[in-house]
Amino acid sequence: MTNQQIVDMGEDARRVLENPAFNEALRLMSEDAVERIKACPIRDREGMLLLAQAARLTDKVAETLRGMLEAGKMAGAQIDIDSARNESRVGRLARRVL
């Protein structure tokens, strides 16, 4: 995947993370998982395991999107660094003067 594609995916992840409906859905999913864990009988080990996995999955979705956002920022910085390195001396001089 190219740096530009990573930047684009990071930007998409940012939009998702800023989406109020998405954040509300994650909040509701987390609350539901906690309530179900509380309601699950202690002796139901398999049920508890499945509910704990569901709670972790909800957290992992947001964590993954934040990781994509950060990767996009890093790729953008790398693009900027590569552009500065490839800029000619005349271009750098003109940029300084202007």
PDB file of N, CA and C in Angstrom:
ATOM      1  N   MET A   1       0.844  -1.160   0.000  1.00  0.00           N
ATOM      2  CA  MET A   1       0.000   0.000   0.000  1.00  0.00           C
ATOM      3  C   MET A   1       0.903   1.242   0.000  1.00  0.00           C
ATOM      4  N   THR A   2       0.535   2.206  -0.792  1.00  0.00           N
ATOM      5  CA  THR A   2       1.347   3.420  -0.888  1.00  0.00           C
ATOM      6  C   THR A   2       1.060   4.347   0.293  1.00  0.00           C
ATOM      7  N   ASN A   3       1.981   5.276   0.515  1.00  0.00           N
ATOM      8  CA  ASN A   3       1.780   6.250   1.582  1.00  0.00           C
ATOM      9  C   ASN A   3       0.510   7.067   1.357  1.00  0.00           C
ATOM     10  N   GLN A   4       0.223   7.400   0.105  1.00  0.00           N
ATOM     11  CA  GLN A   4      -0.981   8.186  -0.180  1.00  0.00           C
ATOM     12  C   GLN A   4      -2.239   7.391   0.147  1.00  0.00           C
ATOM     13  N   GLN A   5      -2.236   6.098  -0.127  1.00  0.00           N
ATOM     14  CA  GLN A   5      -3.388   5.264   0.211  1.00  0.00           C
ATOM     15  C   GLN A   5      -3.568   5.186   1.731  1.00  0.00           C
ATOM     16  N   ILE A   6      -2.459   5.113   2.460  1.00  0.00           N
ATOM     17  CA  ILE A   6      -2.523   5.080   3.922  1.00  0.00           C
ATOM     18  C   ILE A   6      -3.063   6.404   4.453  1.00  0.00           C
ATOM     19  N   VAL A   7      -2.620   7.508   3.861  1.00  0.00           N
ATOM     20  CA  VAL A   7      -3.135   8.829   4.249  1.00  0.00           C
ATOM     21  C   VAL A   7      -4.642   8.884   4.011  1.00  0.00           C
ATOM     22  N   ASP A   8      -5.081   8.404   2.858  1.00  0.00           N
ATOM     23  CA  ASP A   8      -6.514   8.419   2.530  1.00  0.00           C
ATOM     24  C   ASP A   8      -7.315   7.568   3.514  1.00  0.00           C
ATOM     25  N   MET A   9      -6.796   6.396   3.862  1.00  0.00           N
ATOM     26  CA  MET A   9      -7.491   5.538   4.823  1.00  0.00           C
ATOM     27  C   MET A   9      -7.521   6.185   6.204  1.00  0.00           C
ATOM     28  N   GLY A  10      -6.455   6.859   6.572  1.00  0.00           N
ATOM     29  CA  GLY A  10      -6.420   7.577   7.840  1.00  0.00           C
ATOM     30  C   GLY A  10      -7.465   8.669   7.886  1.00  0.00           C
ATOM     31  N   GLU A  11      -7.629   9.358   6.777  1.00  0.00           N
ATOM     32  CA  GLU A  11      -8.645  10.412   6.693  1.00  0.00           C
ATOM     33  C   GLU A  11     -10.052   9.814   6.797  1.00  0.00           C
ATOM     34  N   ASP A  12     -10.259   8.666   6.151  1.00  0.00           N
ATOM     35  CA  ASP A  12     -11.553   7.979   6.274  1.00  0.00           C
ATOM     36  C   ASP A  12     -11.806   7.560   7.724  1.00  0.00           C
ATOM     37  N   ALA A  13     -10.770   7.057   8.380  1.00  0.00           N
ATOM     38  CA  ALA A  13     -10.893   6.641   9.784  1.00  0.00           C
ATOM     39  C   ALA A  13     -11.229   7.845  10.662  1.00  0.00           C
ATOM     40  N   ARG A  14     -10.622   8.990  10.382  1.00  0.00           N
ATOM     41  CA  ARG A  14     -10.915  10.209  11.151  1.00  0.00           C
ATOM     42  C   ARG A  14     -12.387  10.579  11.028  1.00  0.00           C
ATOM     43  N   ARG A  15     -12.906  10.510   9.791  1.00  0.00           N
ATOM     44  CA  ARG A  15     -14.315  10.852   9.574  1.00  0.00           C
ATOM     45  C   ARG A  15     -15.233   9.895  10.334  1.00  0.00           C
ATOM     46  N   VAL A  16     -14.885   8.617  10.347  1.00  0.00           N
ATOM     47  CA  VAL A  16     -15.698   7.637  11.081  1.00  0.00           C
ATOM     48  C   VAL A  16     -15.651   7.940  12.574  1.00  0.00           C
ATOM     49  N   LEU A  17     -14.442   8.192  13.092  1.00  0.00           N
ATOM     50  CA  LEU A  17     -14.302   8.459  14.523  1.00  0.00           C
ATOM     51  C   LEU A  17     -15.001   9.750  14.956  1.00  0.00           C
ATOM     52  N   GLU A  18     -15.163  10.687  14.050  1.00  0.00           N
ATOM     53  CA  GLU A  18     -15.845  11.943  14.358  1.00  0.00           C
ATOM     54  C   GLU A  18     -17.358  11.857  14.125  1.00  0.00           C
ATOM     55  N   ASN A  19     -17.825  10.741  13.606  1.00  0.00           N
ATOM     56  CA  ASN A  19     -19.232  10.571  13.299  1.00  0.00           C
ATOM     57  C   ASN A  19     -20.023  10.308  14.588  1.00  0.00           C
ATOM     58  N   PRO A  20     -20.962  11.182  14.939  1.00  0.00           N
ATOM     59  CA  PRO A  20     -21.722  11.009  16.184  1.00  0.00           C
ATOM     60  C   PRO A  20     -22.523   9.696  16.218  1.00  0.00           C
ATOM     61  N   ALA A  21     -23.079   9.286  15.096  1.00  0.00           N
ATOM     62  CA  ALA A  21     -23.859   8.047  15.069  1.00  0.00           C
ATOM     63  C   ALA A  21     -22.960   6.842  15.355  1.00  0.00           C
ATOM     64  N   PHE A  22     -21.775   6.838  14.788  1.00  0.00           N
ATOM     65  CA  PHE A  22     -20.840   5.738  15.034  1.00  0.00           C
ATOM     66  C   PHE A  22     -20.444   5.696  16.507  1.00  0.00           C
ATOM     67  N   ASN A  23     -20.113   6.849  17.066  1.00  0.00           N
ATOM     68  CA  ASN A  23     -19.718   6.893  18.472  1.00  0.00           C
ATOM     69  C   ASN A  23     -20.851   6.466  19.391  1.00  0.00           C
ATOM     70  N   GLU A  24     -22.055   6.856  19.067  1.00  0.00           N
ATOM     71  CA  GLU A  24     -23.208   6.444  19.871  1.00  0.00           C
ATOM     72  C   GLU A  24     -23.424   4.937  19.759  1.00  0.00           C
ATOM     73  N   ALA A  25     -23.262   4.393  18.566  1.00  0.00           N
ATOM     74  CA  ALA A  25     -23.405   2.944  18.385  1.00  0.00           C
ATOM     75  C   ALA A  25     -22.365   2.190  19.215  1.00  0.00           C
ATOM     76  N   LEU A  26     -21.117   2.653  19.208  1.00  0.00           N
ATOM     77  CA  LEU A  26     -20.085   2.007  20.024  1.00  0.00           C
ATOM     78  C   LEU A  26     -20.407   2.106  21.508  1.00  0.00           C
ATOM     79  N   ARG A  27     -20.879   3.258  21.936  1.00  0.00           N
ATOM     80  CA  ARG A  27     -21.225   3.440  23.343  1.00  0.00           C
ATOM     81  C   ARG A  27     -22.351   2.488  23.749  1.00  0.00           C
ATOM     82  N   LEU A  28     -23.369   2.393  22.898  1.00  0.00           N
ATOM     83  CA  LEU A  28     -24.484   1.500  23.194  1.00  0.00           C
ATOM     84  C   LEU A  28     -24.045   0.039  23.209  1.00  0.00           C
ATOM     85  N   MET A  29     -23.167  -0.320  22.284  1.00  0.00           N
ATOM     86  CA  MET A  29     -22.660  -1.699  22.257  1.00  0.00           C
ATOM     87  C   MET A  29     -21.873  -2.013  23.527  1.00  0.00           C
ATOM     88  N   SER A  30     -21.047  -1.082  23.975  1.00  0.00           N
ATOM     89  CA  SER A  30     -20.272  -1.285  25.204  1.00  0.00           C
ATOM     90  C   SER A  30     -21.187  -1.416  26.411  1.00  0.00           C
ATOM     91  N   GLU A  31     -22.161  -0.528  26.510  1.00  0.00           N
ATOM     92  CA  GLU A  31     -23.103  -0.605  27.628  1.00  0.00           C
ATOM     93  C   GLU A  31     -23.866  -1.916  27.622  1.00  0.00           C
ATOM     94  N   ASP A  32     -24.297  -2.341  26.448  1.00  0.00           N
ATOM     95  CA  ASP A  32     -25.036  -3.596  26.325  1.00  0.00           C
ATOM     96  C   ASP A  32     -24.166  -4.775  26.753  1.00  0.00           C
ATOM     97  N   ALA A  33     -22.908  -4.774  26.333  1.00  0.00           N
ATOM     98  CA  ALA A  33     -22.012  -5.878  26.701  1.00  0.00           C
ATOM     99  C   ALA A  33     -21.825  -5.935  28.210  1.00  0.00           C
ATOM    100  N   VAL A  34     -21.643  -4.792  28.835  1.00  0.00           N
ATOM    101  CA  VAL A  34     -21.458  -4.754  30.290  1.00  0.00           C
ATOM    102  C   VAL A  34     -22.715  -5.258  30.994  1.00  0.00           C
ATOM    103  N   GLU A  35     -23.873  -4.810  30.553  1.00  0.00           N
ATOM    104  CA  GLU A  35     -25.129  -5.246  31.170  1.00  0.00           C
ATOM    105  C   GLU A  35     -25.337  -6.751  31.005  1.00  0.00           C
ATOM    106  N   ARG A  36     -25.000  -7.276  29.846  1.00  0.00           N
ATOM    107  CA  ARG A  36     -25.160  -8.714  29.621  1.00  0.00           C
ATOM    108  C   ARG A  36     -24.183  -9.520  30.475  1.00  0.00           C
ATOM    109  N   ILE A  37     -22.972  -8.996  30.633  1.00  0.00           N
ATOM    110  CA  ILE A  37     -22.001  -9.689  31.492  1.00  0.00           C
ATOM    111  C   ILE A  37     -22.525  -9.711  32.927  1.00  0.00           C
ATOM    112  N   LYS A  38     -23.066  -8.608  33.394  1.00  0.00           N
ATOM    113  CA  LYS A  38     -23.613  -8.549  34.754  1.00  0.00           C
ATOM    114  C   LYS A  38     -24.786  -9.510  34.933  1.00  0.00           C
ATOM    115  N   ALA A  39     -25.592  -9.656  33.891  1.00  0.00           N
ATOM    116  CA  ALA A  39     -26.776 -10.505  33.973  1.00  0.00           C
ATOM    117  C   ALA A  39     -26.465 -11.990  33.775  1.00  0.00           C
ATOM    118  N   CYS A  40     -25.296 -12.303  33.266  1.00  0.00           N
ATOM    119  CA  CYS A  40     -24.935 -13.692  32.967  1.00  0.00           C
ATOM    120  C   CYS A  40     -24.637 -14.450  34.267  1.00  0.00           C
ATOM    121  N   PRO A  41     -25.188 -15.634  34.410  1.00  0.00           N
ATOM    122  CA  PRO A  41     -24.882 -16.426  35.608  1.00  0.00           C
ATOM    123  C   PRO A  41     -23.382 -16.741  35.701  1.00  0.00           C
ATOM    124  N   ILE A  42     -22.850 -16.695  36.902  1.00  0.00           N
ATOM    125  CA  ILE A  42     -21.425 -16.940  37.121  1.00  0.00           C
ATOM    126  C   ILE A  42     -21.017 -18.325  36.620  1.00  0.00           C
ATOM    127  N   ARG A  43     -21.886 -19.276  36.732  1.00  0.00           N
ATOM    128  CA  ARG A  43     -21.559 -20.661  36.338  1.00  0.00           C
ATOM    129  C   ARG A  43     -21.507 -20.850  34.824  1.00  0.00           C
ATOM    130  N   ASP A  44     -22.028 -19.894  34.082  1.00  0.00           N
ATOM    131  CA  ASP A  44     -22.042 -19.999  32.617  1.00  0.00           C
ATOM    132  C   ASP A  44     -20.714 -19.479  32.066  1.00  0.00           C
ATOM    133  N   ARG A  45     -19.690 -20.314  32.151  1.00  0.00           N
ATOM    134  CA  ARG A  45     -18.349 -19.894  31.717  1.00  0.00           C
ATOM    135  C   ARG A  45     -18.297 -19.578  30.227  1.00  0.00           C
ATOM    136  N   GLU A  46     -18.940 -20.403  29.429  1.00  0.00           N
ATOM    137  CA  GLU A  46     -18.923 -20.168  27.981  1.00  0.00           C
ATOM    138  C   GLU A  46     -19.639 -18.865  27.635  1.00  0.00           C
ATOM    139  N   GLY A  47     -20.773 -18.621  28.270  1.00  0.00           N
ATOM    140  CA  GLY A  47     -21.500 -17.379  28.035  1.00  0.00           C
ATOM    141  C   GLY A  47     -20.680 -16.167  28.444  1.00  0.00           C
ATOM    142  N   MET A  48     -20.032 -16.248  29.607  1.00  0.00           N
ATOM    143  CA  MET A  48     -19.181 -15.148  30.071  1.00  0.00           C
ATOM    144  C   MET A  48     -18.042 -14.896  29.099  1.00  0.00           C
ATOM    145  N   LEU A  49     -17.443 -15.977  28.600  1.00  0.00           N
ATOM    146  CA  LEU A  49     -16.349 -15.846  27.649  1.00  0.00           C
ATOM    147  C   LEU A  49     -16.810 -15.147  26.372  1.00  0.00           C
ATOM    148  N   LEU A  50     -17.947 -15.561  25.857  1.00  0.00           N
ATOM    149  CA  LEU A  50     -18.473 -14.952  24.627  1.00  0.00           C
ATOM    150  C   LEU A  50     -18.826 -13.482  24.839  1.00  0.00           C
ATOM    151  N   LEU A  51     -19.389 -13.167  25.980  1.00  0.00           N
ATOM    152  CA  LEU A  51     -19.743 -11.773  26.267  1.00  0.00           C
ATOM    153  C   LEU A  51     -18.495 -10.912  26.451  1.00  0.00           C
ATOM    154  N   ALA A  52     -17.479 -11.464  27.096  1.00  0.00           N
ATOM    155  CA  ALA A  52     -16.217 -10.723  27.258  1.00  0.00           C
ATOM    156  C   ALA A  52     -15.580 -10.475  25.899  1.00  0.00           C
ATOM    157  N   GLN A  53     -15.643 -11.451  25.014  1.00  0.00           N
ATOM    158  CA  GLN A  53     -15.103 -11.275  23.668  1.00  0.00           C
ATOM    159  C   GLN A  53     -15.860 -10.189  22.916  1.00  0.00           C
ATOM    160  N   ALA A  54     -17.171 -10.145  23.073  1.00  0.00           N
ATOM    161  CA  ALA A  54     -17.975  -9.104  22.412  1.00  0.00           C
ATOM    162  C   ALA A  54     -17.582  -7.723  22.931  1.00  0.00           C
ATOM    163  N   ALA A  55     -17.370  -7.603  24.238  1.00  0.00           N
ATOM    164  CA  ALA A  55     -16.966  -6.318  24.811  1.00  0.00           C
ATOM    165  C   ALA A  55     -15.596  -5.902  24.279  1.00  0.00           C
ATOM    166  N   ARG A  56     -14.690  -6.849  24.198  1.00  0.00           N
ATOM    167  CA  ARG A  56     -13.346  -6.540  23.685  1.00  0.00           C
ATOM    168  C   ARG A  56     -13.389  -6.162  22.215  1.00  0.00           C
ATOM    169  N   LEU A  57     -14.259  -6.807  21.455  1.00  0.00           N
ATOM    170  CA  LEU A  57     -14.372  -6.517  20.028  1.00  0.00           C
ATOM    171  C   LEU A  57     -14.833  -5.081  19.806  1.00  0.00           C
ATOM    172  N   THR A  58     -15.766  -4.623  20.604  1.00  0.00           N
ATOM    173  CA  THR A  58     -16.241  -3.243  20.505  1.00  0.00           C
ATOM    174  C   THR A  58     -15.084  -2.272  20.717  1.00  0.00           C
ATOM    175  N   ASP A  59     -14.272  -2.529  21.742  1.00  0.00           N
ATOM    176  CA  ASP A  59     -13.118  -1.671  22.012  1.00  0.00           C
ATOM    177  C   ASP A  59     -12.089  -1.756  20.892  1.00  0.00           C
ATOM    178  N   LYS A  60     -11.920  -2.945  20.336  1.00  0.00           N
ATOM    179  CA  LYS A  60     -10.916  -3.157  19.291  1.00  0.00           C
ATOM    180  C   LYS A  60     -11.261  -2.394  18.012  1.00  0.00           C
ATOM    181  N   VAL A  61     -12.528  -2.250  17.701  1.00  0.00           N
ATOM    182  CA  VAL A  61     -12.936  -1.505  16.503  1.00  0.00           C
ATOM    183  C   VAL A  61     -12.457  -0.059  16.598  1.00  0.00           C
ATOM    184  N   ALA A  62     -12.745   0.584  17.723  1.00  0.00           N
ATOM    185  CA  ALA A  62     -12.324   1.976  17.902  1.00  0.00           C
ATOM    186  C   ALA A  62     -10.802   2.077  17.940  1.00  0.00           C
ATOM    187  N   GLU A  63     -10.151   1.137  18.597  1.00  0.00           N
ATOM    188  CA  GLU A  63      -8.686   1.138  18.678  1.00  0.00           C
ATOM    189  C   GLU A  63      -8.058   0.994  17.288  1.00  0.00           C
ATOM    190  N   THR A  64      -8.626   0.133  16.470  1.00  0.00           N
ATOM    191  CA  THR A  64      -8.111  -0.071  15.117  1.00  0.00           C
ATOM    192  C   THR A  64      -8.266   1.187  14.278  1.00  0.00           C
ATOM    193  N   LEU A  65      -9.406   1.837  14.387  1.00  0.00           N
ATOM    194  CA  LEU A  65      -9.615   3.082  13.642  1.00  0.00           C
ATOM    195  C   LEU A  65      -8.635   4.168  14.090  1.00  0.00           C
ATOM    196  N   ARG A  66      -8.389   4.259  15.399  1.00  0.00           N
ATOM    197  CA  ARG A  66      -7.405   5.240  15.888  1.00  0.00           C
ATOM    198  C   ARG A  66      -6.012   4.915  15.352  1.00  0.00           C
ATOM    199  N   GLY A  67      -5.682   3.636  15.263  1.00  0.00           N
ATOM    200  CA  GLY A  67      -4.402   3.229  14.697  1.00  0.00           C
ATOM    201  C   GLY A  67      -4.290   3.605  13.230  1.00  0.00           C
ATOM    202  N   MET A  68      -5.378   3.431  12.482  1.00  0.00           N
ATOM    203  CA  MET A  68      -5.379   3.819  11.074  1.00  0.00           C
ATOM    204  C   MET A  68      -5.207   5.325  10.925  1.00  0.00           C
ATOM    205  N   LEU A  69      -5.829   6.082  11.812  1.00  0.00           N
ATOM    206  CA  LEU A  69      -5.701   7.538  11.792  1.00  0.00           C
ATOM    207  C   LEU A  69      -4.247   7.940  12.032  1.00  0.00           C
ATOM    208  N   GLU A  70      -3.618   7.345  13.023  1.00  0.00           N
ATOM    209  CA  GLU A  70      -2.218   7.664  13.327  1.00  0.00           C
ATOM    210  C   GLU A  70      -1.291   7.228  12.194  1.00  0.00           C
ATOM    211  N   ALA A  71      -1.562   6.072  11.604  1.00  0.00           N
ATOM    212  CA  ALA A  71      -0.750   5.614  10.474  1.00  0.00           C
ATOM    213  C   ALA A  71      -0.869   6.581   9.305  1.00  0.00           C
ATOM    214  N   GLY A  72      -2.058   7.124   9.094  1.00  0.00           N
ATOM    215  CA  GLY A  72      -2.266   8.116   8.040  1.00  0.00           C
ATOM    216  C   GLY A  72      -1.471   9.381   8.289  1.00  0.00           C
ATOM    217  N   LYS A  73      -1.425   9.808   9.554  1.00  0.00           N
ATOM    218  CA  LYS A  73      -0.636  10.990   9.902  1.00  0.00           C
ATOM    219  C   LYS A  73       0.847  10.746   9.638  1.00  0.00           C
ATOM    220  N   MET A  74       1.320   9.564  10.022  1.00  0.00           N
ATOM    221  CA  MET A  74       2.734   9.228   9.814  1.00  0.00           C
ATOM    222  C   MET A  74       3.064   9.155   8.322  1.00  0.00           C
ATOM    223  N   ALA A  75       2.170   8.566   7.544  1.00  0.00           N
ATOM    224  CA  ALA A  75       2.396   8.473   6.103  1.00  0.00           C
ATOM    225  C   ALA A  75       2.400   9.861   5.472  1.00  0.00           C
ATOM    226  N   GLY A  76       1.541  10.745   5.952  1.00  0.00           N
ATOM    227  CA  GLY A  76       1.527  12.121   5.456  1.00  0.00           C
ATOM    228  C   GLY A  76       2.832  12.835   5.757  1.00  0.00           C
ATOM    229  N   ALA A  77       3.352  12.614   6.952  1.00  0.00           N
ATOM    230  CA  ALA A  77       4.640  13.215   7.316  1.00  0.00           C
ATOM    231  C   ALA A  77       5.752  12.660   6.433  1.00  0.00           C
ATOM    232  N   GLN A  78       5.691  11.370   6.143  1.00  0.00           N
ATOM    233  CA  GLN A  78       6.708  10.761   5.276  1.00  0.00           C
ATOM    234  C   GLN A  78       6.630  11.330   3.862  1.00  0.00           C
ATOM    235  N   ILE A  79       5.436  11.553   3.378  1.00  0.00           N
ATOM    236  CA  ILE A  79       5.275  12.168   2.059  1.00  0.00           C
ATOM    237  C   ILE A  79       5.900  13.559   2.053  1.00  0.00           C
ATOM    238  N   ASP A  80       5.650  14.335   3.115  1.00  0.00           N
ATOM    239  CA  ASP A  80       6.228  15.676   3.212  1.00  0.00           C
ATOM    240  C   ASP A  80       7.754  15.627   3.242  1.00  0.00           C
ATOM    241  N   ILE A  81       8.298  14.689   3.994  1.00  0.00           N
ATOM    242  CA  ILE A  81       9.765  14.537   4.077  1.00  0.00           C
ATOM    243  C   ILE A  81      10.332  14.157   2.720  1.00  0.00           C
ATOM    244  N   ASP A  82       9.694  13.202   2.060  1.00  0.00           N
ATOM    245  CA  ASP A  82      10.166  12.779   0.734  1.00  0.00           C
ATOM    246  C   ASP A  82      10.095  13.917  -0.274  1.00  0.00           C
ATOM    247  N   SER A  83       9.040  14.720  -0.191  1.00  0.00           N
ATOM    248  CA  SER A  83       8.906  15.861  -1.105  1.00  0.00           C
ATOM    249  C   SER A  83      10.013  16.876  -0.862  1.00  0.00           C
ATOM    250  N   ALA A  84      10.317  17.138   0.404  1.00  0.00           N
ATOM    251  CA  ALA A  84      11.377  18.099   0.731  1.00  0.00           C
ATOM    252  C   ALA A  84      12.735  17.583   0.258  1.00  0.00           C
ATOM    253  N   ARG A  85      12.963  16.297   0.378  1.00  0.00           N
ATOM    254  CA  ARG A  85      14.236  15.731  -0.066  1.00  0.00           C
ATOM    255  C   ARG A  85      14.385  15.788  -1.575  1.00  0.00           C
ATOM    256  N   ASN A  86      13.273  15.637  -2.275  1.00  0.00           N
ATOM    257  CA  ASN A  86      13.316  15.607  -3.733  1.00  0.00           C
ATOM    258  C   ASN A  86      13.258  16.994  -4.363  1.00  0.00           C
ATOM    259  N   GLU A  87      13.010  17.998  -3.551  1.00  0.00           N
ATOM    260  CA  GLU A  87      12.925  19.359  -4.057  1.00  0.00           C
ATOM    261  C   GLU A  87      14.329  19.823  -4.485  1.00  0.00           C
ATOM    262  N   SER A  88      14.390  20.482  -5.602  1.00  0.00           N
ATOM    263  CA  SER A  88      15.682  20.958  -6.103  1.00  0.00           C
ATOM    264  C   SER A  88      16.212  22.091  -5.232  1.00  0.00           C
ATOM    265  N   ARG A  89      17.493  22.354  -5.344  1.00  0.00           N
ATOM    266  CA  ARG A  89      18.094  23.457  -4.586  1.00  0.00           C
ATOM    267  C   ARG A  89      17.460  24.783  -4.967  1.00  0.00           C
ATOM    268  N   VAL A  90      17.184  24.962  -6.245  1.00  0.00           N
ATOM    269  CA  VAL A  90      16.561  26.195  -6.704  1.00  0.00           C
ATOM    270  C   VAL A  90      15.178  26.336  -6.066  1.00  0.00           C
ATOM    271  N   GLY A  91      14.442  25.245  -5.999  1.00  0.00           N
ATOM    272  CA  GLY A  91      13.115  25.274  -5.384  1.00  0.00           C
ATOM    273  C   GLY A  91      13.184  25.606  -3.912  1.00  0.00           C
ATOM    274  N   ARG A  92      14.161  25.020  -3.200  1.00  0.00           N
ATOM    275  CA  ARG A  92      14.321  25.312  -1.770  1.00  0.00           C
ATOM    276  C   ARG A  92      14.685  26.779  -1.560  1.00  0.00           C
ATOM    277  N   LEU A  93      15.584  27.291  -2.406  1.00  0.00           N
ATOM    278  CA  LEU A  93      15.991  28.678  -2.301  1.00  0.00           C
ATOM    279  C   LEU A  93      14.807  29.609  -2.561  1.00  0.00           C
ATOM    280  N   ALA A  94      14.023  29.297  -3.584  1.00  0.00           N
ATOM    281  CA  ALA A  94      12.852  30.111  -3.915  1.00  0.00           C
ATOM    282  C   ALA A  94      11.837  30.079  -2.763  1.00  0.00           C
ATOM    283  N   ARG A  95      11.655  28.932  -2.144  1.00  0.00           N
ATOM    284  CA  ARG A  95      10.731  28.815  -1.018  1.00  0.00           C
ATOM    285  C   ARG A  95      11.193  29.663   0.170  1.00  0.00           C
ATOM    286  N   ARG A  96      12.489  29.687   0.424  1.00  0.00           N
ATOM    287  CA  ARG A  96      13.038  30.484   1.516  1.00  0.00           C
ATOM    288  C   ARG A  96      12.872  31.969   1.266  1.00  0.00           C
ATOM    289  N   VAL A  97      13.107  32.383   0.024  1.00  0.00           N
ATOM    290  CA  VAL A  97      13.025  33.786  -0.344  1.00  0.00           C
ATOM    291  C   VAL A  97      11.593  34.280  -0.288  1.00  0.00           C
ATOM    292  N   LEU A  98      10.668  33.446  -0.739  1.00  0.00           N
ATOM    293  CA  LEU A  98       9.261  33.844  -0.772  1.00  0.00           C
ATOM    294  C   LEU A  98       8.707  33.691   0.592  1.00  0.00           C
TER     295      LEU A  98
END
